[in-house]
N, C-alpha and C. Protein backbone atom coordinates (compact mmCIF):
# COMPACT_ATOMS: atom_id res chain seq x y z
N UNK A 1 -26.49 28.56 21.13
CA UNK A 1 -25.52 28.66 20.05
C UNK A 1 -24.20 29.12 20.64
N UNK A 2 -23.82 30.35 20.48
CA UNK A 2 -22.61 30.88 21.07
C UNK A 2 -21.35 30.52 20.31
N UNK A 3 -20.24 30.75 20.98
CA UNK A 3 -18.93 30.47 20.41
C UNK A 3 -18.32 29.32 21.20
N UNK A 4 -18.04 28.23 20.52
CA UNK A 4 -17.43 27.06 21.15
C UNK A 4 -15.97 26.98 20.74
N UNK A 5 -15.11 26.73 21.72
CA UNK A 5 -13.69 26.55 21.46
C UNK A 5 -13.12 25.63 22.52
N UNK A 6 -11.90 25.18 22.32
CA UNK A 6 -11.23 24.33 23.30
C UNK A 6 -10.33 25.20 24.16
N UNK A 7 -10.51 25.11 25.45
CA UNK A 7 -9.69 25.84 26.40
C UNK A 7 -8.88 24.83 27.20
N UNK A 8 -7.58 24.88 27.01
CA UNK A 8 -6.69 23.96 27.74
C UNK A 8 -7.14 22.51 27.59
N UNK A 9 -7.59 22.17 26.37
CA UNK A 9 -7.97 20.79 26.06
C UNK A 9 -9.40 20.42 26.37
N UNK A 10 -10.20 21.37 26.84
CA UNK A 10 -11.59 21.08 27.19
C UNK A 10 -12.52 22.00 26.39
N UNK A 11 -13.56 21.44 25.84
CA UNK A 11 -14.52 22.23 25.07
C UNK A 11 -15.31 23.15 25.99
N UNK A 12 -15.39 24.43 25.59
CA UNK A 12 -16.16 25.42 26.35
C UNK A 12 -17.02 26.21 25.36
N UNK A 13 -18.05 26.83 25.88
CA UNK A 13 -18.93 27.63 25.06
C UNK A 13 -19.16 28.97 25.73
N UNK A 14 -19.14 30.02 24.92
CA UNK A 14 -19.46 31.37 25.40
C UNK A 14 -20.70 31.82 24.66
N UNK A 15 -21.76 32.05 25.38
CA UNK A 15 -23.03 32.45 24.79
C UNK A 15 -23.21 33.95 24.98
N UNK A 16 -22.37 34.70 24.31
CA UNK A 16 -22.43 36.15 24.40
C UNK A 16 -21.98 36.78 23.10
N UNK A 17 -21.72 38.07 23.14
CA UNK A 17 -21.31 38.81 21.96
C UNK A 17 -20.01 38.23 21.39
N UNK A 18 -19.99 37.80 20.14
CA UNK A 18 -18.79 37.21 19.54
C UNK A 18 -17.63 38.20 19.41
N UNK A 19 -17.90 39.47 19.59
CA UNK A 19 -16.82 40.47 19.53
C UNK A 19 -16.18 40.70 20.90
N UNK A 20 -16.68 40.02 21.94
CA UNK A 20 -16.08 40.15 23.27
C UNK A 20 -14.65 39.65 23.22
N UNK A 21 -13.69 40.42 23.71
CA UNK A 21 -12.31 39.95 23.71
C UNK A 21 -12.15 38.64 24.50
N UNK A 22 -11.30 37.78 23.99
CA UNK A 22 -11.03 36.49 24.64
C UNK A 22 -10.68 36.70 26.11
N UNK A 23 -9.89 37.73 26.41
CA UNK A 23 -9.50 37.99 27.80
C UNK A 23 -10.70 38.03 28.73
N UNK A 24 -11.74 38.76 28.34
CA UNK A 24 -12.89 38.92 29.21
C UNK A 24 -13.74 37.66 29.27
N UNK A 25 -13.75 36.89 28.19
CA UNK A 25 -14.44 35.60 28.23
C UNK A 25 -13.73 34.70 29.25
N UNK A 26 -12.39 34.65 29.16
CA UNK A 26 -11.62 33.82 30.08
C UNK A 26 -11.82 34.25 31.53
N UNK A 27 -11.65 35.53 31.80
CA UNK A 27 -11.68 36.01 33.18
C UNK A 27 -13.09 36.09 33.76
N UNK A 28 -14.01 36.67 33.00
CA UNK A 28 -15.34 36.96 33.54
C UNK A 28 -16.34 35.81 33.41
N UNK A 29 -16.11 34.92 32.46
CA UNK A 29 -17.10 33.86 32.23
C UNK A 29 -16.56 32.46 32.50
N UNK A 30 -15.25 32.28 32.39
CA UNK A 30 -14.67 30.94 32.57
C UNK A 30 -13.76 30.86 33.80
N UNK A 31 -13.66 31.95 34.54
CA UNK A 31 -12.88 32.00 35.79
C UNK A 31 -11.42 31.60 35.62
N UNK A 32 -10.83 31.96 34.50
CA UNK A 32 -9.39 31.74 34.26
C UNK A 32 -8.70 33.09 34.51
N UNK A 33 -7.93 33.17 35.57
CA UNK A 33 -7.38 34.44 36.00
C UNK A 33 -5.91 34.67 35.63
N UNK A 34 -5.25 33.71 34.99
CA UNK A 34 -3.83 33.91 34.70
C UNK A 34 -3.57 35.03 33.69
N UNK A 35 -4.32 35.14 32.58
CA UNK A 35 -4.08 36.30 31.71
C UNK A 35 -4.60 37.56 32.40
N UNK A 36 -3.82 38.60 32.34
CA UNK A 36 -4.16 39.84 33.04
C UNK A 36 -4.55 40.95 32.07
N UNK A 37 -5.34 41.89 32.54
CA UNK A 37 -5.63 43.11 31.78
C UNK A 37 -4.56 44.12 32.13
N UNK A 38 -3.84 44.56 31.11
CA UNK A 38 -2.81 45.57 31.33
C UNK A 38 -3.17 46.88 30.67
N UNK A 39 -3.23 46.86 29.34
CA UNK A 39 -3.45 48.12 28.62
C UNK A 39 -4.74 48.12 27.80
N UNK A 40 -5.22 46.96 27.40
CA UNK A 40 -6.41 46.88 26.57
C UNK A 40 -6.18 47.22 25.12
N UNK A 41 -4.94 47.45 24.74
CA UNK A 41 -4.61 47.85 23.37
C UNK A 41 -3.56 46.94 22.73
N UNK A 42 -3.34 45.77 23.30
CA UNK A 42 -2.39 44.78 22.76
C UNK A 42 -0.95 45.29 22.75
N UNK A 43 -0.61 46.15 23.70
CA UNK A 43 0.73 46.76 23.73
C UNK A 43 1.62 46.25 24.85
N UNK A 44 1.05 45.67 25.91
CA UNK A 44 1.87 45.33 27.07
C UNK A 44 2.16 43.84 27.23
N UNK A 45 1.32 42.98 26.69
CA UNK A 45 1.55 41.54 26.74
C UNK A 45 1.04 40.83 27.97
N UNK A 46 0.46 41.52 28.94
CA UNK A 46 0.00 40.87 30.16
C UNK A 46 -1.12 39.86 29.89
N UNK A 47 -1.82 40.03 28.80
CA UNK A 47 -2.96 39.19 28.46
C UNK A 47 -2.61 38.04 27.52
N UNK A 48 -1.34 37.80 27.27
CA UNK A 48 -0.92 36.83 26.26
C UNK A 48 -1.40 35.41 26.58
N UNK A 49 -2.03 34.80 25.58
CA UNK A 49 -2.42 33.39 25.60
C UNK A 49 -2.02 32.82 24.24
N UNK A 50 -2.21 31.54 24.06
CA UNK A 50 -1.93 30.92 22.76
C UNK A 50 -3.25 30.59 22.07
N UNK A 51 -3.32 30.93 20.80
CA UNK A 51 -4.44 30.55 19.95
C UNK A 51 -3.85 29.67 18.85
N UNK A 52 -4.25 28.40 18.86
CA UNK A 52 -3.69 27.42 17.91
C UNK A 52 -2.17 27.39 17.99
N UNK A 53 -1.64 27.54 19.21
CA UNK A 53 -0.21 27.44 19.43
C UNK A 53 0.58 28.71 19.22
N UNK A 54 -0.06 29.78 18.83
CA UNK A 54 0.62 31.06 18.59
C UNK A 54 0.25 32.06 19.67
N UNK A 55 1.25 32.78 20.17
CA UNK A 55 1.00 33.80 21.19
C UNK A 55 0.18 34.93 20.58
N UNK A 56 -0.90 35.30 21.28
CA UNK A 56 -1.76 36.41 20.84
C UNK A 56 -2.07 37.28 22.06
N UNK A 57 -2.54 38.46 21.79
CA UNK A 57 -3.00 39.37 22.84
C UNK A 57 -4.50 39.18 22.98
N UNK A 58 -4.91 38.59 24.07
CA UNK A 58 -6.32 38.24 24.24
C UNK A 58 -7.20 39.44 24.54
N UNK A 59 -6.60 40.58 24.90
CA UNK A 59 -7.41 41.78 25.18
C UNK A 59 -8.00 42.40 23.92
N UNK A 60 -7.39 42.10 22.77
CA UNK A 60 -7.86 42.71 21.52
C UNK A 60 -8.30 41.69 20.48
N UNK A 61 -8.32 40.42 20.85
CA UNK A 61 -8.75 39.38 19.91
C UNK A 61 -10.16 38.94 20.29
N UNK A 62 -11.11 39.09 19.38
CA UNK A 62 -12.49 38.71 19.72
C UNK A 62 -12.62 37.20 19.86
N UNK A 63 -13.52 36.77 20.72
CA UNK A 63 -13.72 35.35 20.95
C UNK A 63 -14.14 34.64 19.66
N UNK A 64 -14.75 35.36 18.74
CA UNK A 64 -15.13 34.74 17.46
C UNK A 64 -13.91 34.19 16.72
N UNK A 65 -12.73 34.77 16.95
CA UNK A 65 -11.50 34.28 16.31
C UNK A 65 -11.09 32.91 16.86
N UNK A 66 -11.61 32.55 18.01
CA UNK A 66 -11.27 31.26 18.65
C UNK A 66 -12.27 30.16 18.32
N UNK A 67 -13.34 30.49 17.62
CA UNK A 67 -14.38 29.50 17.33
C UNK A 67 -13.79 28.25 16.69
N UNK A 68 -14.02 27.11 17.34
CA UNK A 68 -13.54 25.83 16.83
C UNK A 68 -12.05 25.61 16.96
N UNK A 69 -11.37 26.49 17.68
CA UNK A 69 -9.91 26.42 17.78
C UNK A 69 -9.47 26.14 19.21
N UNK A 70 -8.17 26.03 19.39
CA UNK A 70 -7.58 25.77 20.70
C UNK A 70 -7.01 27.04 21.31
N UNK A 71 -7.42 27.33 22.53
CA UNK A 71 -6.88 28.43 23.31
C UNK A 71 -6.16 27.81 24.49
N UNK A 72 -4.93 28.25 24.73
CA UNK A 72 -4.14 27.73 25.84
C UNK A 72 -3.71 28.88 26.73
N UNK A 73 -3.94 28.71 28.03
CA UNK A 73 -3.45 29.66 29.02
C UNK A 73 -2.28 29.00 29.75
N UNK A 74 -1.69 29.71 30.68
CA UNK A 74 -0.56 29.18 31.43
C UNK A 74 -0.89 27.82 32.05
N UNK A 75 -2.11 27.68 32.55
CA UNK A 75 -2.53 26.43 33.19
C UNK A 75 -2.55 25.26 32.21
N UNK A 76 -2.69 25.54 30.93
CA UNK A 76 -2.82 24.48 29.94
C UNK A 76 -1.56 24.16 29.16
N UNK A 77 -0.45 24.81 29.50
CA UNK A 77 0.79 24.48 28.81
C UNK A 77 1.12 23.01 29.01
N UNK A 78 1.78 22.42 28.02
CA UNK A 78 2.24 21.04 28.16
C UNK A 78 3.04 20.94 29.45
N UNK A 79 2.86 19.86 30.21
CA UNK A 79 3.52 19.76 31.51
C UNK A 79 5.03 20.01 31.49
N UNK A 80 5.72 19.46 30.51
CA UNK A 80 7.17 19.65 30.45
C UNK A 80 7.53 21.13 30.27
N UNK A 81 6.82 21.81 29.40
CA UNK A 81 7.06 23.23 29.15
C UNK A 81 6.72 24.05 30.38
N UNK A 82 5.55 23.81 30.95
CA UNK A 82 5.13 24.56 32.13
C UNK A 82 6.10 24.38 33.29
N UNK A 83 6.54 23.15 33.51
CA UNK A 83 7.47 22.87 34.61
C UNK A 83 8.81 23.55 34.37
N UNK A 84 9.32 23.47 33.14
CA UNK A 84 10.62 24.08 32.83
C UNK A 84 10.57 25.59 33.04
N UNK A 85 9.51 26.23 32.57
CA UNK A 85 9.39 27.67 32.74
C UNK A 85 9.23 28.03 34.21
N UNK A 86 8.36 27.33 34.91
CA UNK A 86 8.12 27.63 36.32
C UNK A 86 9.40 27.48 37.14
N UNK A 87 10.11 26.38 36.95
CA UNK A 87 11.35 26.16 37.70
C UNK A 87 12.40 27.23 37.39
N UNK A 88 12.50 27.60 36.13
CA UNK A 88 13.47 28.63 35.75
C UNK A 88 13.09 29.99 36.34
N UNK A 89 11.80 30.30 36.33
CA UNK A 89 11.34 31.57 36.90
C UNK A 89 11.67 31.63 38.39
N UNK A 90 11.47 30.52 39.08
CA UNK A 90 11.76 30.46 40.51
C UNK A 90 13.28 30.55 40.74
N UNK A 91 14.04 29.80 39.96
CA UNK A 91 15.50 29.78 40.12
C UNK A 91 16.11 31.17 40.01
N UNK A 92 15.61 31.97 39.06
CA UNK A 92 16.17 33.30 38.85
C UNK A 92 15.36 34.39 39.54
N UNK A 93 14.43 34.01 40.39
CA UNK A 93 13.65 34.95 41.17
C UNK A 93 13.12 36.08 40.28
N UNK A 94 12.50 35.66 39.17
CA UNK A 94 12.09 36.62 38.15
C UNK A 94 11.04 37.62 38.63
N UNK A 95 9.90 37.17 39.15
CA UNK A 95 8.85 38.15 39.42
C UNK A 95 9.13 39.04 40.62
N UNK A 96 8.75 40.27 40.48
CA UNK A 96 8.70 41.16 41.64
C UNK A 96 7.23 41.36 41.95
N UNK A 97 6.54 42.19 41.18
CA UNK A 97 5.10 42.31 41.43
C UNK A 97 4.36 41.12 40.83
N UNK A 98 4.91 40.52 39.76
CA UNK A 98 4.34 39.33 39.16
C UNK A 98 3.25 39.57 38.13
N UNK A 99 2.80 40.79 37.98
CA UNK A 99 1.65 41.06 37.12
C UNK A 99 1.87 40.62 35.68
N UNK A 100 3.04 40.89 35.14
CA UNK A 100 3.31 40.60 33.72
C UNK A 100 3.77 39.17 33.48
N UNK A 101 4.05 38.42 34.52
CA UNK A 101 4.78 37.17 34.35
C UNK A 101 4.04 36.10 33.56
N UNK A 102 2.74 36.01 33.67
CA UNK A 102 2.01 35.04 32.86
C UNK A 102 2.21 35.33 31.39
N UNK A 103 2.07 36.59 31.01
CA UNK A 103 2.29 36.96 29.61
C UNK A 103 3.71 36.71 29.17
N UNK A 104 4.66 37.00 30.04
CA UNK A 104 6.08 36.75 29.72
C UNK A 104 6.29 35.25 29.49
N UNK A 105 5.73 34.43 30.37
CA UNK A 105 5.91 32.98 30.26
C UNK A 105 5.22 32.42 29.01
N UNK A 106 4.06 32.94 28.68
CA UNK A 106 3.37 32.46 27.48
C UNK A 106 4.13 32.85 26.22
N UNK A 107 4.72 34.04 26.20
CA UNK A 107 5.54 34.44 25.05
C UNK A 107 6.81 33.58 25.00
N UNK A 108 7.38 33.28 26.16
CA UNK A 108 8.57 32.42 26.20
C UNK A 108 8.22 31.02 25.71
N UNK A 109 7.08 30.49 26.10
CA UNK A 109 6.66 29.16 25.64
C UNK A 109 6.50 29.14 24.12
N UNK A 110 5.93 30.20 23.57
CA UNK A 110 5.77 30.31 22.13
C UNK A 110 7.15 30.28 21.46
N UNK A 111 8.09 31.04 21.98
CA UNK A 111 9.46 31.06 21.43
C UNK A 111 10.10 29.68 21.53
N UNK A 112 10.04 29.06 22.70
CA UNK A 112 10.73 27.79 22.92
C UNK A 112 10.12 26.63 22.13
N UNK A 113 8.88 26.78 21.74
CA UNK A 113 8.25 25.78 20.88
C UNK A 113 8.85 25.85 19.48
N UNK A 114 9.21 27.05 19.06
CA UNK A 114 9.72 27.27 17.71
C UNK A 114 11.25 27.26 17.62
N UNK A 115 11.89 27.54 18.73
CA UNK A 115 13.35 27.70 18.74
C UNK A 115 13.89 27.04 20.01
N UNK A 116 14.47 25.88 19.86
CA UNK A 116 14.93 25.10 21.02
C UNK A 116 16.17 25.69 21.69
N UNK A 117 16.93 26.50 20.96
CA UNK A 117 18.18 27.07 21.49
C UNK A 117 18.24 28.56 21.14
N UNK A 118 17.37 29.37 21.76
CA UNK A 118 17.34 30.79 21.39
C UNK A 118 18.56 31.56 21.91
N UNK A 119 19.01 32.49 21.09
CA UNK A 119 20.08 33.40 21.50
C UNK A 119 19.47 34.51 22.36
N UNK A 120 20.33 35.32 22.95
CA UNK A 120 19.83 36.48 23.71
C UNK A 120 18.99 37.37 22.82
N UNK A 121 19.44 37.56 21.59
CA UNK A 121 18.70 38.39 20.64
C UNK A 121 17.33 37.80 20.32
N UNK A 122 17.28 36.47 20.16
CA UNK A 122 16.01 35.81 19.89
C UNK A 122 15.03 36.02 21.05
N UNK A 123 15.55 35.89 22.26
CA UNK A 123 14.70 36.05 23.45
C UNK A 123 14.21 37.49 23.55
N UNK A 124 15.11 38.43 23.40
CA UNK A 124 14.71 39.84 23.48
C UNK A 124 13.69 40.18 22.42
N UNK A 125 13.89 39.67 21.22
CA UNK A 125 12.95 39.94 20.13
C UNK A 125 11.58 39.32 20.42
N UNK A 126 11.58 38.05 20.84
CA UNK A 126 10.31 37.34 21.08
C UNK A 126 9.51 37.94 22.23
N UNK A 127 10.21 38.48 23.22
CA UNK A 127 9.51 39.03 24.39
C UNK A 127 9.46 40.56 24.38
N UNK A 128 9.85 41.16 23.27
CA UNK A 128 9.90 42.63 23.21
C UNK A 128 8.54 43.28 23.38
N UNK A 129 7.47 42.57 23.09
CA UNK A 129 6.13 43.12 23.24
C UNK A 129 5.56 42.95 24.63
N UNK A 130 6.34 42.38 25.54
CA UNK A 130 5.89 42.19 26.92
C UNK A 130 6.59 43.19 27.82
N UNK A 131 5.80 44.02 28.45
CA UNK A 131 6.36 45.07 29.31
C UNK A 131 6.37 44.61 30.76
N UNK A 132 7.52 44.82 31.41
CA UNK A 132 7.66 44.53 32.84
C UNK A 132 7.96 45.86 33.53
N UNK A 133 7.01 46.35 34.27
CA UNK A 133 7.20 47.63 34.96
C UNK A 133 8.28 47.55 36.02
N UNK A 134 8.56 46.35 36.52
CA UNK A 134 9.60 46.18 37.54
C UNK A 134 10.99 46.07 36.93
N UNK A 135 11.06 45.90 35.61
CA UNK A 135 12.34 45.86 34.92
C UNK A 135 13.15 44.60 35.14
N UNK A 136 12.51 43.45 35.23
CA UNK A 136 13.25 42.20 35.47
C UNK A 136 13.69 41.53 34.17
N UNK A 137 13.90 42.30 33.13
CA UNK A 137 14.22 41.74 31.82
C UNK A 137 15.46 40.85 31.82
N UNK A 138 16.51 41.22 32.54
CA UNK A 138 17.73 40.41 32.55
C UNK A 138 17.45 39.05 33.19
N UNK A 139 16.65 39.04 34.25
CA UNK A 139 16.31 37.77 34.90
C UNK A 139 15.39 36.94 34.02
N UNK A 140 14.48 37.60 33.31
CA UNK A 140 13.59 36.89 32.39
C UNK A 140 14.42 36.21 31.31
N UNK A 141 15.38 36.92 30.75
CA UNK A 141 16.24 36.34 29.71
C UNK A 141 16.99 35.12 30.24
N UNK A 142 17.56 35.22 31.42
CA UNK A 142 18.26 34.08 32.02
C UNK A 142 17.31 32.91 32.24
N UNK A 143 16.11 33.20 32.69
CA UNK A 143 15.13 32.14 32.94
C UNK A 143 14.72 31.44 31.64
N UNK A 144 14.55 32.20 30.58
CA UNK A 144 14.19 31.59 29.29
C UNK A 144 15.33 30.69 28.82
N UNK A 145 16.56 31.15 28.97
CA UNK A 145 17.71 30.31 28.58
C UNK A 145 17.74 29.03 29.41
N UNK A 146 17.50 29.13 30.71
CA UNK A 146 17.49 27.96 31.58
C UNK A 146 16.35 27.02 31.19
N UNK A 147 15.19 27.56 30.92
CA UNK A 147 14.06 26.72 30.49
C UNK A 147 14.41 25.99 29.21
N UNK A 148 15.08 26.66 28.29
CA UNK A 148 15.50 26.01 27.03
C UNK A 148 16.44 24.86 27.35
N UNK A 149 17.37 25.06 28.29
CA UNK A 149 18.28 23.98 28.69
C UNK A 149 17.51 22.80 29.29
N UNK A 150 16.51 23.10 30.11
CA UNK A 150 15.72 22.06 30.75
C UNK A 150 14.91 21.26 29.74
N UNK A 151 14.50 21.93 28.68
CA UNK A 151 13.69 21.28 27.66
C UNK A 151 14.52 20.48 26.64
N UNK A 152 15.82 20.79 26.59
CA UNK A 152 16.69 20.14 25.59
C UNK A 152 16.95 18.69 25.95
């Protein structure tokens, strides 16, 4: 039986406790390492993935919430979106330690799907739940703006 959902366009099944957070299903059972464990309390954003196209914190969302739905990680972003974000991140040399960057990029993808021309305020608001211990926020903002330009 278990919990069946689509991961990056492919049907997967988790035959375990339905209250297991999506993060641990992804990392421990499906070998998807891009979402990271940061705080475990949905406060830092390192674990951000998309559930039905919306950014969520996978550390606090049970896998039962994904039953029959689509979960997208960084690897599963639409090619145009993934390429635009990746190129912009590289151009502005965003990551230092890199730990938070997957969550930052997933939150940025969520924003850019909904807002093709975000203002600085829009970007700051959309990514405000993502903590970067290295403090690369100014570079992240520039990269999101560049990705928006690339997608336009």
